[in-house]
N, C-alpha and C. Protein backbone atom coordinates (compact mmCIF):
# COMPACT_ATOMS: atom_id res chain seq x y z
N GLU A 1 -2.68 -72.17 -21.98
CA GLU A 1 -3.28 -71.61 -20.77
C GLU A 1 -2.22 -70.86 -19.97
N ASP A 2 -1.01 -71.40 -19.92
CA ASP A 2 0.07 -70.74 -19.19
C ASP A 2 0.41 -69.40 -19.84
N GLU A 3 0.40 -69.37 -21.16
CA GLU A 3 0.69 -68.12 -21.88
C GLU A 3 -0.37 -67.07 -21.59
N LYS A 4 -1.62 -67.52 -21.50
CA LYS A 4 -2.71 -66.59 -21.21
C LYS A 4 -2.53 -65.95 -19.84
N SER A 5 -2.18 -66.76 -18.84
CA SER A 5 -2.00 -66.21 -17.49
C SER A 5 -0.79 -65.28 -17.44
N THR A 6 0.24 -65.58 -18.22
CA THR A 6 1.41 -64.71 -18.27
C THR A 6 1.04 -63.35 -18.85
N VAL A 7 0.24 -63.36 -19.91
CA VAL A 7 -0.19 -62.10 -20.53
C VAL A 7 -1.10 -61.33 -19.58
N GLU A 8 -2.02 -62.03 -18.92
CA GLU A 8 -2.93 -61.37 -17.98
C GLU A 8 -2.16 -60.73 -16.83
N THR A 9 -1.14 -61.41 -16.34
CA THR A 9 -0.30 -60.86 -15.28
C THR A 9 0.43 -59.61 -15.76
N ALA A 10 0.96 -59.67 -16.96
CA ALA A 10 1.67 -58.52 -17.53
C ALA A 10 0.72 -57.34 -17.72
N ILE A 11 -0.52 -57.61 -18.11
CA ILE A 11 -1.50 -56.54 -18.26
C ILE A 11 -1.80 -55.90 -16.91
N SER A 12 -1.98 -56.72 -15.89
CA SER A 12 -2.26 -56.20 -14.55
C SER A 12 -1.11 -55.33 -14.04
N GLU A 13 0.11 -55.79 -14.28
CA GLU A 13 1.28 -55.03 -13.85
C GLU A 13 1.39 -53.71 -14.62
N LEU A 14 1.05 -53.72 -15.90
CA LEU A 14 1.07 -52.50 -16.69
C LEU A 14 0.00 -51.52 -16.20
N GLU A 15 -1.18 -52.03 -15.88
CA GLU A 15 -2.24 -51.16 -15.36
C GLU A 15 -1.83 -50.52 -14.04
N ALA A 16 -1.17 -51.31 -13.18
CA ALA A 16 -0.71 -50.77 -11.90
C ALA A 16 0.36 -49.70 -12.12
N ALA A 17 1.25 -49.93 -13.07
CA ALA A 17 2.29 -48.94 -13.37
C ALA A 17 1.68 -47.67 -13.94
N ALA A 18 0.62 -47.82 -14.73
CA ALA A 18 -0.04 -46.65 -15.31
C ALA A 18 -0.68 -45.79 -14.22
N LYS A 19 -1.19 -46.41 -13.19
CA LYS A 19 -1.80 -45.66 -12.08
C LYS A 19 -0.75 -44.87 -11.31
N GLU A 20 0.47 -45.40 -11.26
CA GLU A 20 1.56 -44.72 -10.55
C GLU A 20 2.15 -43.58 -11.37
N ASP A 21 1.90 -43.59 -12.67
CA ASP A 21 2.38 -42.55 -13.60
C ASP A 21 3.90 -42.46 -13.64
N ASP A 22 4.57 -43.61 -13.49
CA ASP A 22 6.03 -43.68 -13.59
C ASP A 22 6.37 -44.13 -15.01
N HIS A 23 6.83 -43.21 -15.82
CA HIS A 23 7.04 -43.48 -17.25
C HIS A 23 8.05 -44.60 -17.50
N ASP A 24 9.12 -44.64 -16.72
CA ASP A 24 10.11 -45.70 -16.91
C ASP A 24 9.53 -47.07 -16.57
N ASP A 25 8.73 -47.12 -15.50
CA ASP A 25 8.11 -48.38 -15.11
C ASP A 25 7.06 -48.80 -16.14
N ILE A 26 6.33 -47.83 -16.67
CA ILE A 26 5.33 -48.13 -17.71
C ILE A 26 6.01 -48.72 -18.93
N LYS A 27 7.13 -48.12 -19.36
CA LYS A 27 7.85 -48.63 -20.52
C LYS A 27 8.34 -50.05 -20.26
N ALA A 28 8.84 -50.31 -19.05
CA ALA A 28 9.33 -51.64 -18.71
C ALA A 28 8.19 -52.66 -18.71
N LYS A 29 7.05 -52.27 -18.16
CA LYS A 29 5.91 -53.19 -18.10
C LYS A 29 5.32 -53.42 -19.50
N LEU A 30 5.35 -52.40 -20.33
CA LEU A 30 4.87 -52.54 -21.70
C LEU A 30 5.77 -53.50 -22.48
N GLU A 31 7.07 -53.39 -22.27
CA GLU A 31 8.00 -54.31 -22.91
C GLU A 31 7.79 -55.73 -22.41
N ALA A 32 7.51 -55.87 -21.11
CA ALA A 32 7.24 -57.19 -20.55
C ALA A 32 5.97 -57.78 -21.16
N LEU A 33 4.96 -56.94 -21.39
CA LEU A 33 3.73 -57.40 -22.03
C LEU A 33 4.00 -57.84 -23.46
N ASP A 34 4.79 -57.07 -24.18
CA ASP A 34 5.17 -57.46 -25.55
C ASP A 34 5.85 -58.82 -25.56
N ASN A 35 6.78 -59.01 -24.63
CA ASN A 35 7.51 -60.28 -24.56
C ASN A 35 6.60 -61.44 -24.16
N ALA A 36 5.60 -61.15 -23.30
CA ALA A 36 4.67 -62.20 -22.89
C ALA A 36 3.76 -62.60 -24.04
N PHE A 37 3.42 -61.65 -24.90
CA PHE A 37 2.51 -61.93 -26.01
C PHE A 37 3.22 -62.52 -27.22
N LEU A 38 4.53 -62.40 -27.27
CA LEU A 38 5.30 -62.87 -28.42
C LEU A 38 5.07 -64.34 -28.78
N PRO A 39 5.10 -65.27 -27.83
CA PRO A 39 4.87 -66.68 -28.20
C PRO A 39 3.47 -66.91 -28.79
N ILE A 40 2.48 -66.18 -28.30
CA ILE A 40 1.12 -66.33 -28.82
C ILE A 40 1.06 -65.84 -30.26
N SER A 41 1.64 -64.68 -30.51
CA SER A 41 1.60 -64.13 -31.87
C SER A 41 2.39 -65.01 -32.84
N GLN A 42 3.47 -65.61 -32.37
CA GLN A 42 4.24 -66.51 -33.24
C GLN A 42 3.41 -67.73 -33.62
N LYS A 43 2.64 -68.25 -32.68
CA LYS A 43 1.78 -69.40 -32.97
C LYS A 43 0.69 -69.01 -33.98
N ILE A 44 0.14 -67.81 -33.82
CA ILE A 44 -0.91 -67.36 -34.73
C ILE A 44 -0.38 -67.29 -36.15
N TYR A 45 0.78 -66.67 -36.31
CA TYR A 45 1.37 -66.53 -37.64
C TYR A 45 1.79 -67.88 -38.21
N ALA A 46 2.28 -68.78 -37.36
CA ALA A 46 2.68 -70.10 -37.83
C ALA A 46 1.46 -70.88 -38.31
N ASP A 47 0.36 -70.78 -37.57
CA ASP A 47 -0.87 -71.48 -37.96
C ASP A 47 -1.43 -70.90 -39.25
N ALA A 48 -1.37 -69.60 -39.41
CA ALA A 48 -1.88 -68.96 -40.63
C ALA A 48 -1.01 -69.35 -41.82
N GLY A 49 0.28 -69.43 -41.62
CA GLY A 49 1.19 -69.81 -42.70
C GLY A 49 1.01 -71.25 -43.10
N ALA A 50 0.72 -72.11 -42.14
CA ALA A 50 0.54 -73.53 -42.44
C ALA A 50 -0.70 -73.74 -43.29
N GLY A 51 -1.73 -72.96 -43.09
CA GLY A 51 -2.94 -73.08 -43.88
C GLY A 51 -2.75 -72.62 -45.31
N ALA A 52 -1.86 -71.68 -45.51
CA ALA A 52 -1.64 -71.14 -46.85
C ALA A 52 -0.66 -71.98 -47.67
N GLU A 53 0.08 -72.87 -47.02
CA GLU A 53 1.08 -73.67 -47.73
C GLU A 53 0.45 -74.58 -48.77
N GLY A 54 -0.72 -75.11 -48.48
CA GLY A 54 -1.36 -76.06 -49.38
C GLY A 54 -2.06 -75.41 -50.55
N MET A 55 -2.08 -74.10 -50.61
CA MET A 55 -2.80 -73.41 -51.68
C MET A 55 -1.90 -73.22 -52.90
N ASP A 56 -2.50 -73.36 -54.04
CA ASP A 56 -1.82 -73.17 -55.31
C ASP A 56 -1.93 -71.69 -55.69
N PRO A 57 -0.82 -71.02 -55.98
CA PRO A 57 -0.87 -69.60 -56.33
C PRO A 57 -1.77 -69.30 -57.51
N SER A 58 -1.97 -70.26 -58.40
CA SER A 58 -2.85 -70.02 -59.55
C SER A 58 -4.30 -69.85 -59.12
N GLN A 59 -4.66 -70.37 -57.93
CA GLN A 59 -6.02 -70.19 -57.43
C GLN A 59 -6.30 -68.71 -57.19
N PHE A 60 -5.31 -67.98 -56.73
CA PHE A 60 -5.49 -66.56 -56.50
C PHE A 60 -5.73 -65.83 -57.81
N GLN A 61 -5.01 -66.22 -58.85
CA GLN A 61 -5.17 -65.57 -60.15
C GLN A 61 -6.54 -65.89 -60.74
N GLN A 62 -7.00 -67.12 -60.57
CA GLN A 62 -8.32 -67.48 -61.09
C GLN A 62 -9.40 -66.64 -60.42
N GLY A 63 -9.27 -66.43 -59.13
CA GLY A 63 -10.23 -65.60 -58.41
C GLY A 63 -10.21 -64.18 -58.91
N ALA A 64 -9.04 -63.66 -59.20
CA ALA A 64 -8.93 -62.29 -59.71
C ALA A 64 -9.51 -62.19 -61.11
N ASP A 65 -9.30 -63.21 -61.93
CA ASP A 65 -9.86 -63.21 -63.29
C ASP A 65 -11.38 -63.23 -63.24
N ASN A 66 -11.94 -64.04 -62.36
CA ASN A 66 -13.39 -64.13 -62.26
C ASN A 66 -14.01 -62.86 -61.70
N ALA A 67 -13.29 -62.16 -60.86
CA ALA A 67 -13.81 -60.92 -60.28
C ALA A 67 -14.02 -59.87 -61.36
N GLY A 68 -13.22 -59.87 -62.38
CA GLY A 68 -13.36 -58.90 -63.45
C GLY A 68 -14.48 -59.24 -64.42
N ASN A 69 -15.00 -60.45 -64.37
CA ASN A 69 -16.03 -60.87 -65.31
C ASN A 69 -17.44 -60.67 -64.78
N ASN A 70 -17.60 -60.04 -63.65
CA ASN A 70 -18.93 -59.85 -63.07
C ASN A 70 -19.80 -58.94 -63.91
N ASN A 71 -19.25 -58.07 -64.71
CA ASN A 71 -20.03 -57.11 -65.49
C ASN A 71 -20.63 -57.73 -66.75
N GLN A 72 -20.24 -58.93 -67.12
CA GLN A 72 -20.76 -59.54 -68.33
C GLN A 72 -22.26 -59.79 -68.25
N ALA A 73 -22.79 -60.08 -67.10
CA ALA A 73 -24.21 -60.35 -66.96
C ALA A 73 -25.03 -59.06 -66.99
N ASP A 74 -24.40 -57.91 -66.87
CA ASP A 74 -25.10 -56.63 -66.82
C ASP A 74 -25.06 -55.92 -68.17
N ASP A 75 -25.39 -56.61 -69.24
CA ASP A 75 -25.34 -56.01 -70.58
C ASP A 75 -26.42 -54.95 -70.79
N ASP A 76 -27.47 -54.93 -69.96
CA ASP A 76 -28.56 -53.98 -70.12
C ASP A 76 -28.26 -52.62 -69.50
N VAL A 77 -27.13 -52.46 -68.89
CA VAL A 77 -26.79 -51.23 -68.20
C VAL A 77 -26.47 -50.14 -69.21
N VAL A 78 -27.03 -48.95 -68.99
CA VAL A 78 -26.78 -47.81 -69.86
C VAL A 78 -26.11 -46.73 -69.04
N ASP A 79 -24.98 -46.24 -69.51
CA ASP A 79 -24.29 -45.16 -68.84
C ASP A 79 -24.89 -43.85 -69.33
N ALA A 80 -25.42 -43.05 -68.41
CA ALA A 80 -26.10 -41.82 -68.82
C ALA A 80 -25.76 -40.69 -67.87
N GLU A 81 -25.91 -39.48 -68.37
CA GLU A 81 -25.73 -38.29 -67.54
C GLU A 81 -27.09 -37.69 -67.28
N PHE A 82 -27.22 -36.99 -66.16
CA PHE A 82 -28.49 -36.35 -65.85
C PHE A 82 -28.22 -35.03 -65.15
N THR A 83 -29.22 -34.20 -65.17
CA THR A 83 -29.15 -32.91 -64.49
C THR A 83 -30.28 -32.88 -63.48
N GLU A 84 -29.94 -32.58 -62.24
CA GLU A 84 -30.94 -32.51 -61.19
C GLU A 84 -31.70 -31.20 -61.32
N VAL A 85 -33.02 -31.28 -61.32
CA VAL A 85 -33.87 -30.10 -61.46
C VAL A 85 -34.42 -29.74 -60.10
N ASP A 86 -34.25 -28.49 -59.72
CA ASP A 86 -34.77 -28.01 -58.45
C ASP A 86 -36.28 -27.89 -58.57
N GLU A 87 -37.02 -28.45 -57.64
CA GLU A 87 -38.48 -28.45 -57.68
C GLU A 87 -39.05 -27.03 -57.65
N ASP A 88 -38.38 -26.08 -57.01
CA ASP A 88 -38.87 -24.71 -56.92
C ASP A 88 -38.79 -23.99 -58.25
N LYS A 89 -37.90 -24.37 -59.12
CA LYS A 89 -37.69 -23.69 -60.39
C LYS A 89 -38.52 -24.29 -61.52
N LYS A 90 -39.30 -25.32 -61.28
CA LYS A 90 -40.11 -25.97 -62.32
C LYS A 90 -41.20 -25.09 -62.81
């Protein structure tokens, strides 16, 4: 919750700087916003990495192997060429 309020404050300060059109102040406020959001993004990546740790890499390969086998059930498919006929020329 504290991180959220820090980010919201940084956003408000950046919006105020944008209204003043002071490029140096905008850059400073943008950097402050980046720094305020950094702990949140680190938590997101840490949580995502923790979920992937328990996965076996061979599971990814099995999924890729099965994805290529989807066409086996479609044995009735015929590859054909056609020519579109203009209705006016019939």
